[in-house]
Every structure is written in C-alpha cells, then in structure tokens.
C-alpha cells in the first residue's frame, strides 16, 4: 500500500509539472519552445504586451566569495528565460493567460483563473 501511495504522489507531481509547460487551446496544444507565430495562430493578438525589465546586475554592492558569486550567476542563468523577453497577456474564458516570449520562442506559460 505504501508503494502505491508513493507512486501516486510521483505521478501527480509529474502531471502537475507538465501542465505548467503547456496550454490547451481548443484541440491544439501550445508548449514551451513553440514559436511566437504559433502563439498568434492559436491565441490571436494579445490583449496586452509588456517587456520584462531586468538589469542583469546584482543589487548587492558588497564583496562576495567566488562560490557565492558563481551560485548567483547560476541562479540568474536559470531564471533568465522568464526574466527577459516579452510577456503577452490574453484574457480568455475567465482566465488570464500570460505567455513569455524570448528570442521568438515560448519560454513560459502561465494560466490563472480570474
């Protein structure tokens, strides 16, 4: 029984993570990595657009160790795909869908009920 519960939790986590990387639009699926042209084909022109504002510089002015500095750079690199680019917002069927476009490709999809 315990193994079954662990398997169930793992499967639930797997499906939840995948849902964050895709969006069903009618019978089509929009996924991270799709082109901006595909976003427009599926969702049309966005209700709003906003450029993400990041400076790429640390707000800390004091010295840090090289280990901490490399850790910070790694963090910046991992979040760069959602920090820079353009956010396209769509209002659809009681949802606010935000698609982040970086270098002409979908980097992040967020769908929230209003």
Protein backbone atom coordinates (compact mmCIF):
# COMPACT_ATOMS: atom_id res chain seq x y z
CA UNK A 1 0.00 0.00 0.00
CA UNK A 2 2.83 2.39 0.84
CA UNK A 3 4.45 1.86 -2.57
CA UNK A 4 1.15 2.60 -4.26
CA UNK A 5 0.81 5.91 -2.42
CA UNK A 6 4.37 6.92 -3.30
CA UNK A 7 3.74 6.06 -6.96
CA UNK A 8 0.51 8.04 -6.92
CA UNK A 9 2.25 11.12 -5.46
CA UNK A 10 5.05 10.89 -8.04
CA UNK A 11 2.60 10.59 -10.92
CA UNK A 12 0.62 13.56 -9.62
CA UNK A 13 3.79 15.67 -9.43
CA UNK A 14 4.75 14.63 -12.95
CA UNK A 15 1.42 15.67 -14.40
CA UNK A 16 1.40 18.96 -12.47
CA UNK A 17 4.85 19.90 -13.76
CA UNK A 18 3.86 19.14 -17.33
CA UNK A 19 0.74 21.28 -17.05
CA UNK A 20 2.96 24.31 -16.36
CA UNK A 21 4.79 23.75 -19.66
CA UNK A 22 1.74 23.52 -21.92
CA UNK A 23 -1.64 25.08 -22.60
CA UNK A 24 -4.60 23.51 -24.36
CA UNK A 25 -6.26 25.85 -26.85
CA UNK A 26 -9.31 24.13 -28.30
CA UNK A 27 -7.99 20.88 -29.76
CA UNK A 28 -4.43 22.24 -30.10
CA UNK A 29 -1.59 22.29 -27.59
CA UNK A 30 0.79 25.22 -27.04
CA UNK A 31 4.07 24.14 -25.43
CA UNK A 32 7.27 25.80 -24.23
CA UNK A 33 9.58 26.04 -27.23
CA UNK A 34 6.85 26.82 -29.77
CA UNK A 35 7.33 29.90 -31.94
CA UNK A 36 5.72 33.30 -31.37
CA UNK A 37 3.93 32.80 -34.70
CA UNK A 38 2.25 29.65 -33.32
CA UNK A 39 1.11 31.62 -30.26
CA UNK A 40 -0.53 34.18 -32.53
CA UNK A 41 -2.06 31.46 -34.68
CA UNK A 42 -3.64 29.77 -31.65
CA UNK A 43 -4.49 32.76 -29.42
CA UNK A 44 -4.52 35.75 -31.79
CA UNK A 45 -3.09 39.13 -30.92
CA UNK A 46 -2.51 39.66 -27.20
CA UNK A 47 -4.69 41.95 -25.09
CA UNK A 48 -1.50 43.44 -23.66
CA UNK A 49 2.26 43.26 -24.05
CA UNK A 50 5.00 44.15 -21.61
CA UNK A 51 8.75 43.94 -21.83
CA UNK A 52 10.38 42.29 -18.86
CA UNK A 53 12.74 44.70 -17.12
CA UNK A 54 15.96 43.20 -15.77
CA UNK A 55 19.33 44.81 -15.46
CA UNK A 56 21.33 41.59 -15.15
CA UNK A 57 23.34 43.19 -12.30
CA UNK A 58 23.25 42.20 -8.67
CA UNK A 59 21.68 44.74 -6.32
CA UNK A 60 24.32 43.92 -3.70
CA UNK A 61 27.34 46.22 -3.61
CA UNK A 62 29.49 44.33 -1.09
CA UNK A 63 32.11 41.71 -1.97
CA UNK A 64 31.16 38.06 -2.04
CA UNK A 65 33.14 34.86 -2.30
CA UNK A 66 33.64 33.31 -5.73
CA UNK A 67 31.49 30.34 -4.69
CA UNK A 68 28.56 32.61 -3.80
CA UNK A 69 29.13 34.62 -6.94
CA UNK A 70 29.03 31.54 -9.17
CA UNK A 71 25.90 30.34 -7.37
CA UNK A 72 24.24 33.71 -8.07
CA UNK A 73 25.25 33.54 -11.74
CA UNK A 74 23.73 30.06 -11.98
CA UNK A 75 20.51 31.34 -10.46
CA UNK A 76 20.42 34.24 -12.90
CA UNK A 77 21.02 31.92 -15.85
CA UNK A 78 18.24 29.55 -14.78
CA UNK A 79 15.71 32.36 -14.36
CA UNK A 80 16.85 34.31 -17.43
CA UNK A 81 14.36 32.59 -19.69
CA UNK A 82 11.44 34.11 -17.78
CA UNK A 83 13.12 37.39 -16.77
CA UNK A 84 13.92 38.81 -20.19
CA UNK A 85 11.82 38.96 -23.29
CA UNK A 86 8.24 40.00 -23.73
CA UNK A 87 5.12 38.93 -21.85
CA UNK A 88 1.97 38.57 -23.92
CA UNK A 89 -1.28 38.60 -21.95
CA UNK A 90 -4.57 37.12 -23.13
CA UNK A 91 -7.99 37.38 -21.46
CA UNK A 92 -9.94 34.26 -22.35
CA UNK A 93 -12.93 32.48 -20.82
CA UNK A 94 -12.39 33.72 -17.27
CA UNK A 95 -8.63 33.09 -17.44
CA UNK A 96 -5.65 35.38 -17.70
CA UNK A 97 -3.03 33.64 -19.81
CA UNK A 98 0.48 35.09 -19.87
CA UNK A 99 2.96 33.77 -22.43
CA UNK A 100 6.60 34.84 -22.09
CA UNK A 101 8.38 35.10 -25.44
CA UNK A 102 12.20 35.08 -25.50
CA UNK A 103 14.10 35.14 -28.80
CA UNK A 104 10.91 34.40 -30.75
CA UNK A 105 10.06 31.27 -28.73
CA UNK A 106 7.72 30.49 -25.84
CA UNK A 107 9.78 30.39 -22.63
CA UNK A 108 6.97 30.23 -20.04
CA UNK A 109 3.21 29.81 -19.92
CA UNK A 110 1.03 30.91 -17.01
CA UNK A 111 -2.73 30.46 -16.90
CA UNK A 112 -4.68 31.87 -13.94
CA UNK A 113 -8.41 31.94 -13.27
CA UNK A 114 -9.82 35.40 -12.57
